[in-house]
Amino acid sequence: MNGASDHDAPMSRARCLCGEVTWDLDPPFEWMSHCHCTRCRKAHGAAFATYVAGPAAGFRLRGGEHAKRFESSPGFFRYFCGRCGSVVPGDTMQGRAFVPAGNFEADPGVRPLAHIFVGSKAPWFEITDSLPQFDAYPPGIDAPVLADRALSEPSGAPRGSCLCASVAYVVDGTPLGCWNCHCGRCRRARSAAYASNLFSSGDHLRFTRGEDLLASYKLPDAQRFRHVFCRICGSSLPRVDPESGLAIIPMGSLDDDPGIRPQRHIFVGSMAPWNAITDDLPQHAEFPSSM
């Protein structure tokens, strides 16, 4: 599967939400794909994770001392910034570097070529574009396919958890809404194309284990934006906004179908240049002025 870019910039720079970890990846890039596997969705807290692959020789990581790692499967480590929780790149594999696309500072000049691991796709997400779909890796990728993380049977109210399963929660009551946010802060925090957030009353969010393992990062210039994540694995997790009383729940962290689907796209004026909206949901350039 070859999707080399004609991008003629010397490199593509990226950074985590807080800026402590930065990295470069020189083109030509081999491909960009959307991964729907359970582990990627948990780690990013998003509908899917988008990664770009390029030659390992062109990859440079700075501030790596701030990165933490979690062994999500035997011998495979996922990395995240210990300060802000953004997913960051780590080990190279088979001569390639794999970097999350949500953190690019500019257009990398490459576009998605496929959806992979669609057999693990979130039940609340619908693929509406015409890209090829693969149940596992695309042809040409020689890597072991791991079984999805086992989950217990649904028991009523939607549940969620982090990748390492140290933190778990339940959402009691009827969800109030679900939006896809394309703002730069959400993209960097989730290291993804956008954030799909479920909203409920803060009183309806209940942590069933691991609440003491939650870490929180607030941008210095942000009035309300915070990123909450697991200290062990870095997965994005729910938070309660004290001003509105709302719980903001990363839908990628859900274990069960919440029974609601995304209703609109917000902050599309800040949308990643490599991402395309192909559904018919309402779009708002910024936050909706009225609902």
Protein backbone atom coordinates (compact mmCIF):
# COMPACT_ATOMS: atom_id res chain seq x y z
CA MET A 1 0.00 0.00 0.00
CA ASN A 2 1.87 3.06 -1.22
CA GLY A 3 0.74 6.64 -0.64
CA ALA A 4 3.97 8.62 -0.83
CA SER A 5 3.42 12.37 -0.61
CA ASP A 6 4.73 15.02 -2.96
CA HIS A 7 5.06 17.32 0.04
CA ASP A 8 8.23 19.34 -0.58
CA ALA A 9 8.69 20.89 2.88
CA PRO A 10 11.89 19.76 4.65
CA MET A 11 9.97 18.13 7.48
CA SER A 12 6.64 18.02 9.27
CA ARG A 13 6.74 19.23 12.86
CA ALA A 14 4.35 18.20 15.59
CA ARG A 15 3.95 18.65 19.33
CA CYS A 16 1.89 17.57 22.29
CA LEU A 17 -0.73 19.81 23.88
CA CYS A 18 1.63 21.41 26.39
CA GLY A 19 4.60 21.57 24.00
CA GLU A 20 7.02 19.64 26.21
CA VAL A 21 7.35 16.87 23.61
CA THR A 22 7.95 17.74 19.95
CA TRP A 23 8.95 15.68 16.96
CA ASP A 24 9.79 15.91 13.25
CA LEU A 25 9.20 13.40 10.50
CA ASP A 26 10.80 13.97 7.12
CA PRO A 27 8.89 13.06 3.97
CA PRO A 28 8.36 11.14 1.78
CA PHE A 29 5.60 9.53 3.81
CA GLU A 30 4.50 5.98 3.08
CA TRP A 31 0.84 6.21 4.09
CA MET A 32 -1.76 7.72 6.40
CA SER A 33 -4.58 5.58 7.75
CA HIS A 34 -7.44 5.69 10.24
CA CYS A 35 -7.22 2.90 12.82
CA HIS A 36 -10.40 1.72 14.56
CA CYS A 37 -8.87 -0.92 16.85
CA THR A 38 -10.04 -0.92 20.44
CA ARG A 39 -6.58 -0.12 21.79
CA CYS A 40 -6.17 2.97 19.60
CA ARG A 41 -9.64 4.21 20.45
CA LYS A 42 -8.95 3.79 24.16
CA ALA A 43 -5.51 5.41 24.04
CA HIS A 44 -6.76 8.44 22.09
CA GLY A 45 -10.28 8.66 23.50
CA ALA A 46 -11.47 9.21 19.92
CA ALA A 47 -13.57 7.49 17.27
CA PHE A 48 -10.36 6.40 15.55
CA ALA A 49 -6.66 7.17 15.52
CA THR A 50 -4.92 8.55 12.43
CA TYR A 51 -1.26 7.70 11.95
CA VAL A 52 1.34 8.63 9.37
CA ALA A 53 4.24 6.30 8.58
CA GLY A 54 7.63 7.42 7.32
CA PRO A 55 11.25 6.30 7.29
CA ALA A 56 12.67 5.92 10.79
CA ALA A 57 15.82 7.75 9.67
CA GLY A 58 13.77 10.93 9.23
CA PHE A 59 12.18 10.83 12.69
CA ARG A 60 13.48 13.04 15.51
CA LEU A 61 11.95 13.22 18.98
CA ARG A 62 12.65 16.11 21.36
CA GLY A 63 11.59 16.31 24.98
CA GLY A 64 11.27 12.56 25.17
CA GLU A 65 12.24 12.65 28.85
CA HIS A 66 8.71 13.94 29.51
CA ALA A 67 7.15 10.95 27.74
CA LYS A 68 5.82 7.97 29.65
CA ARG A 69 5.06 4.57 28.18
CA PHE A 70 2.56 1.80 28.73
CA GLU A 71 2.87 -1.77 27.46
CA SER A 72 -0.52 -2.18 25.81
CA SER A 73 0.31 -5.65 24.49
CA PRO A 74 3.34 -7.92 25.01
CA GLY A 75 6.40 -6.11 23.69
CA PHE A 76 4.41 -3.15 22.28
CA PHE A 77 4.55 0.19 24.05
CA ARG A 78 2.34 3.25 23.64
CA TYR A 79 3.76 6.63 24.64
CA PHE A 80 2.13 9.78 26.04
CA CYS A 81 3.23 13.08 27.51
CA GLY A 82 3.26 12.73 31.27
CA ARG A 83 2.34 16.40 31.69
CA CYS A 84 -0.61 16.88 29.30
CA GLY A 85 -1.60 13.34 28.28
CA SER A 86 -1.25 13.72 24.50
CA VAL A 87 -0.34 10.55 22.64
CA VAL A 88 3.21 10.93 21.33
CA PRO A 89 5.36 8.70 19.10
CA GLY A 90 7.91 6.37 20.57
CA ASP A 91 9.63 3.27 19.23
CA THR A 92 10.16 2.77 15.51
CA MET A 93 9.26 -0.55 13.92
CA GLN A 94 10.62 -2.33 10.87
CA GLY A 95 12.49 0.79 9.80
CA ARG A 96 9.41 3.00 10.05
CA ALA A 97 8.22 5.71 12.42
CA PHE A 98 4.49 5.96 13.12
CA VAL A 99 3.30 9.37 14.31
CA PRO A 100 -0.21 10.55 15.29
CA ALA A 101 -1.53 13.02 12.74
CA GLY A 102 -3.57 15.14 15.16
CA ASN A 103 -0.45 16.87 16.43
CA PHE A 104 0.96 18.28 13.16
CA GLU A 105 1.56 22.03 13.26
CA ALA A 106 0.94 22.40 9.50
CA ASP A 107 -0.43 20.41 6.59
CA PRO A 108 1.85 17.38 6.14
CA GLY A 109 0.76 17.11 2.52
CA VAL A 110 -0.49 13.55 2.81
CA ARG A 111 -4.07 12.28 3.00
CA PRO A 112 -5.71 9.17 4.50
CA LEU A 113 -5.64 6.11 2.27
CA ALA A 114 -7.75 3.62 4.24
CA HIS A 115 -9.63 2.61 7.36
CA ILE A 116 -8.02 -0.31 9.18
CA PHE A 117 -9.33 -2.64 11.88
CA VAL A 118 -12.90 -1.72 11.00
CA GLY A 119 -13.99 -4.99 12.58
CA SER A 120 -13.37 -3.23 15.91
CA LYS A 121 -15.12 0.00 14.92
CA ALA A 122 -17.05 1.88 17.61
CA PRO A 123 -20.79 1.07 17.33
CA TRP A 124 -21.68 4.78 17.54
CA PHE A 125 -19.44 5.77 14.60
CA GLU A 126 -20.39 5.41 10.94
CA ILE A 127 -17.84 5.46 8.11
CA THR A 128 -19.27 7.65 5.35
CA ASP A 129 -16.29 8.22 3.06
CA SER A 130 -15.20 6.04 0.13
CA LEU A 131 -11.77 5.02 1.43
CA PRO A 132 -10.90 1.31 1.34
CA GLN A 133 -11.68 -0.60 4.52
CA PHE A 134 -9.72 -3.48 6.01
CA ASP A 135 -10.67 -5.71 8.93
CA ALA A 136 -7.03 -5.69 10.09
CA TYR A 137 -3.80 -4.30 8.64
CA PRO A 138 -3.72 -3.39 4.95
CA PRO A 139 -1.75 -5.55 2.52
CA GLY A 140 2.00 -5.11 2.88
CA ILE A 141 2.05 -4.70 6.67
CA ASP A 142 3.59 -7.73 8.33
CA ALA A 143 2.56 -7.42 11.96
CA PRO A 144 0.67 -9.65 14.38
CA VAL A 145 -3.05 -9.03 14.76
CA LEU A 146 -4.07 -8.97 18.41
CA ALA A 147 -7.47 -9.87 19.78
CA ASP A 148 -9.58 -7.00 21.08
CA ARG A 149 -9.51 -6.37 24.79
CA ALA A 150 -12.20 -8.48 26.42
CA LEU A 151 -15.11 -6.55 27.92
CA SER A 152 -17.84 -7.76 30.21
CA GLU A 153 -21.41 -7.97 28.97
CA PRO A 154 -23.41 -4.68 28.91
CA SER A 155 -25.29 -4.10 32.15
CA GLY A 156 -27.55 -1.13 31.47
CA ALA A 157 -25.96 2.30 31.86
CA PRO A 158 -23.01 2.92 29.51
CA ARG A 159 -19.64 2.16 31.02
CA GLY A 160 -16.14 3.29 30.11
CA SER A 161 -12.53 2.65 31.02
CA CYS A 162 -8.96 3.50 30.14
CA LEU A 163 -6.63 1.29 28.11
CA CYS A 164 -4.96 -0.27 31.15
CA ALA A 165 -8.39 -0.74 32.82
CA SER A 166 -7.17 0.89 36.05
CA VAL A 167 -9.83 3.61 35.74
CA ALA A 168 -13.49 2.82 35.08
CA TYR A 169 -16.70 4.82 35.13
CA VAL A 170 -20.42 4.59 34.43
CA VAL A 171 -22.80 7.21 32.99
CA ASP A 172 -26.14 7.06 34.76
CA GLY A 173 -29.08 8.89 33.24
CA THR A 174 -29.86 9.97 29.69
CA PRO A 175 -27.00 11.57 27.69
CA LEU A 176 -27.61 15.21 26.82
CA GLY A 177 -25.77 15.31 23.50
CA CYS A 178 -22.76 14.29 21.44
CA TRP A 179 -20.57 16.60 19.35
CA ASN A 180 -17.46 16.22 17.21
CA CYS A 181 -14.99 19.01 18.05
CA HIS A 182 -12.28 19.95 15.51
CA CYS A 183 -10.53 22.68 17.52
CA GLY A 184 -6.75 22.59 17.69
CA ARG A 185 -6.77 21.98 21.43
CA CYS A 186 -8.93 18.89 21.14
CA ARG A 187 -6.91 17.55 18.23
CA ARG A 188 -3.65 17.89 20.15
CA ALA A 189 -5.06 16.59 23.41
CA ARG A 190 -6.49 13.48 21.72
CA SER A 191 -3.75 13.29 19.04
CA ALA A 192 -6.56 12.57 16.59
CA ALA A 193 -8.56 14.08 13.73
CA TYR A 194 -11.12 15.42 16.20
CA ALA A 195 -12.69 14.72 19.57
CA SER A 196 -16.08 13.04 19.85
CA ASN A 197 -17.51 14.11 23.20
CA LEU A 198 -20.58 12.82 24.99
CA PHE A 199 -22.27 15.25 27.38
CA SER A 200 -24.22 14.34 30.50
CA SER A 201 -25.03 15.91 33.82
CA GLY A 202 -22.00 15.89 36.08
CA ASP A 203 -24.14 14.17 38.70
CA HIS A 204 -24.58 11.24 36.28
CA LEU A 205 -20.86 10.50 35.91
CA ARG A 206 -19.67 8.01 38.50
CA PHE A 207 -16.16 6.56 38.70
CA THR A 208 -16.24 2.94 39.84
CA ARG A 209 -12.48 2.55 40.28
CA GLY A 210 -9.22 4.42 39.84
CA GLU A 211 -10.42 8.01 40.30
CA ASP A 212 -7.22 8.71 42.23
CA LEU A 213 -5.25 7.85 39.07
CA LEU A 214 -6.72 10.75 37.08
CA ALA A 215 -4.32 13.48 35.97
CA SER A 216 -5.45 16.86 34.65
CA TYR A 217 -3.74 19.43 32.45
CA LYS A 218 -5.11 22.93 31.80
CA LEU A 219 -3.64 25.18 29.15
CA PRO A 220 -2.43 28.43 30.78
CA ASP A 221 -4.40 30.61 28.33
CA ALA A 222 -7.57 28.49 28.34
CA GLN A 223 -10.57 29.65 30.33
CA ARG A 224 -12.13 26.21 30.75
CA PHE A 225 -10.36 23.65 28.58
CA ARG A 226 -8.72 20.79 30.46
CA HIS A 227 -7.47 17.37 29.42
CA VAL A 228 -8.00 14.55 31.91
CA PHE A 229 -6.11 11.30 31.44
CA CYS A 230 -4.94 8.14 33.21
CA ARG A 231 -1.54 8.51 34.85
CA ILE A 232 -0.64 4.91 33.97
CA CYS A 233 -1.62 4.54 30.31
CA GLY A 234 -2.38 8.12 29.22
CA SER A 235 -5.91 7.39 27.96
CA SER A 236 -8.26 10.38 27.71
CA LEU A 237 -10.98 10.20 30.36
CA PRO A 238 -14.09 12.13 31.45
CA ARG A 239 -14.08 15.39 33.35
CA VAL A 240 -16.74 17.55 34.96
CA ASP A 241 -16.85 21.25 34.11
CA PRO A 242 -17.57 23.04 37.41
CA GLU A 243 -19.16 26.10 35.75
CA SER A 244 -21.71 24.28 33.59
CA GLY A 245 -22.06 21.18 35.73
CA LEU A 246 -21.65 19.04 32.61
CA ALA A 247 -19.59 15.88 32.30
CA ILE A 248 -17.52 15.77 29.10
CA ILE A 249 -16.85 12.16 28.18
CA PRO A 250 -14.37 11.08 25.46
CA MET A 251 -16.44 8.62 23.46
CA GLY A 252 -13.40 6.55 22.56
CA SER A 253 -13.17 5.56 26.22
CA LEU A 254 -16.66 4.00 26.22
CA ASP A 255 -17.02 0.23 26.62
CA ASP A 256 -20.71 0.18 25.72
CA ASP A 257 -22.89 1.73 23.04
CA PRO A 258 -24.29 4.91 24.66
CA GLY A 259 -27.39 4.80 22.47
CA ILE A 260 -26.68 8.23 21.00
CA ARG A 261 -24.79 9.26 17.87
CA PRO A 262 -22.76 12.40 17.05
CA GLN A 263 -25.14 15.27 16.30
CA ARG A 264 -22.94 18.02 14.85
CA HIS A 265 -19.41 19.18 14.05
CA ILE A 266 -18.08 22.24 15.87
CA PHE A 267 -14.99 24.40 15.31
CA VAL A 268 -14.71 23.18 11.71
CA GLY A 269 -12.91 26.46 10.98
CA SER A 270 -9.97 24.85 12.79
CA MET A 271 -10.36 21.46 11.12
CA ALA A 272 -7.22 19.49 10.26
CA PRO A 273 -6.39 20.11 6.58
CA TRP A 274 -5.89 16.39 5.98
CA ASN A 275 -9.32 15.46 7.36
CA ALA A 276 -12.58 15.54 5.38
CA ILE A 277 -16.14 15.66 6.72
CA THR A 278 -18.27 13.37 4.56
CA ASP A 279 -21.41 12.96 6.67
CA ASP A 280 -24.46 15.24 6.58
CA LEU A 281 -24.34 16.47 10.19
CA PRO A 282 -24.64 20.24 10.82
CA GLN A 283 -21.32 22.09 10.81
CA HIS A 284 -20.34 25.15 12.85
CA ALA A 285 -17.20 27.19 12.18
CA GLU A 286 -16.81 27.75 15.94
CA PHE A 287 -18.95 27.06 18.97
CA PRO A 288 -22.68 27.29 18.10
CA SER A 289 -24.05 30.68 19.08
CA SER A 290 -27.45 29.19 19.77
CA MET A 291 -28.95 25.72 19.79
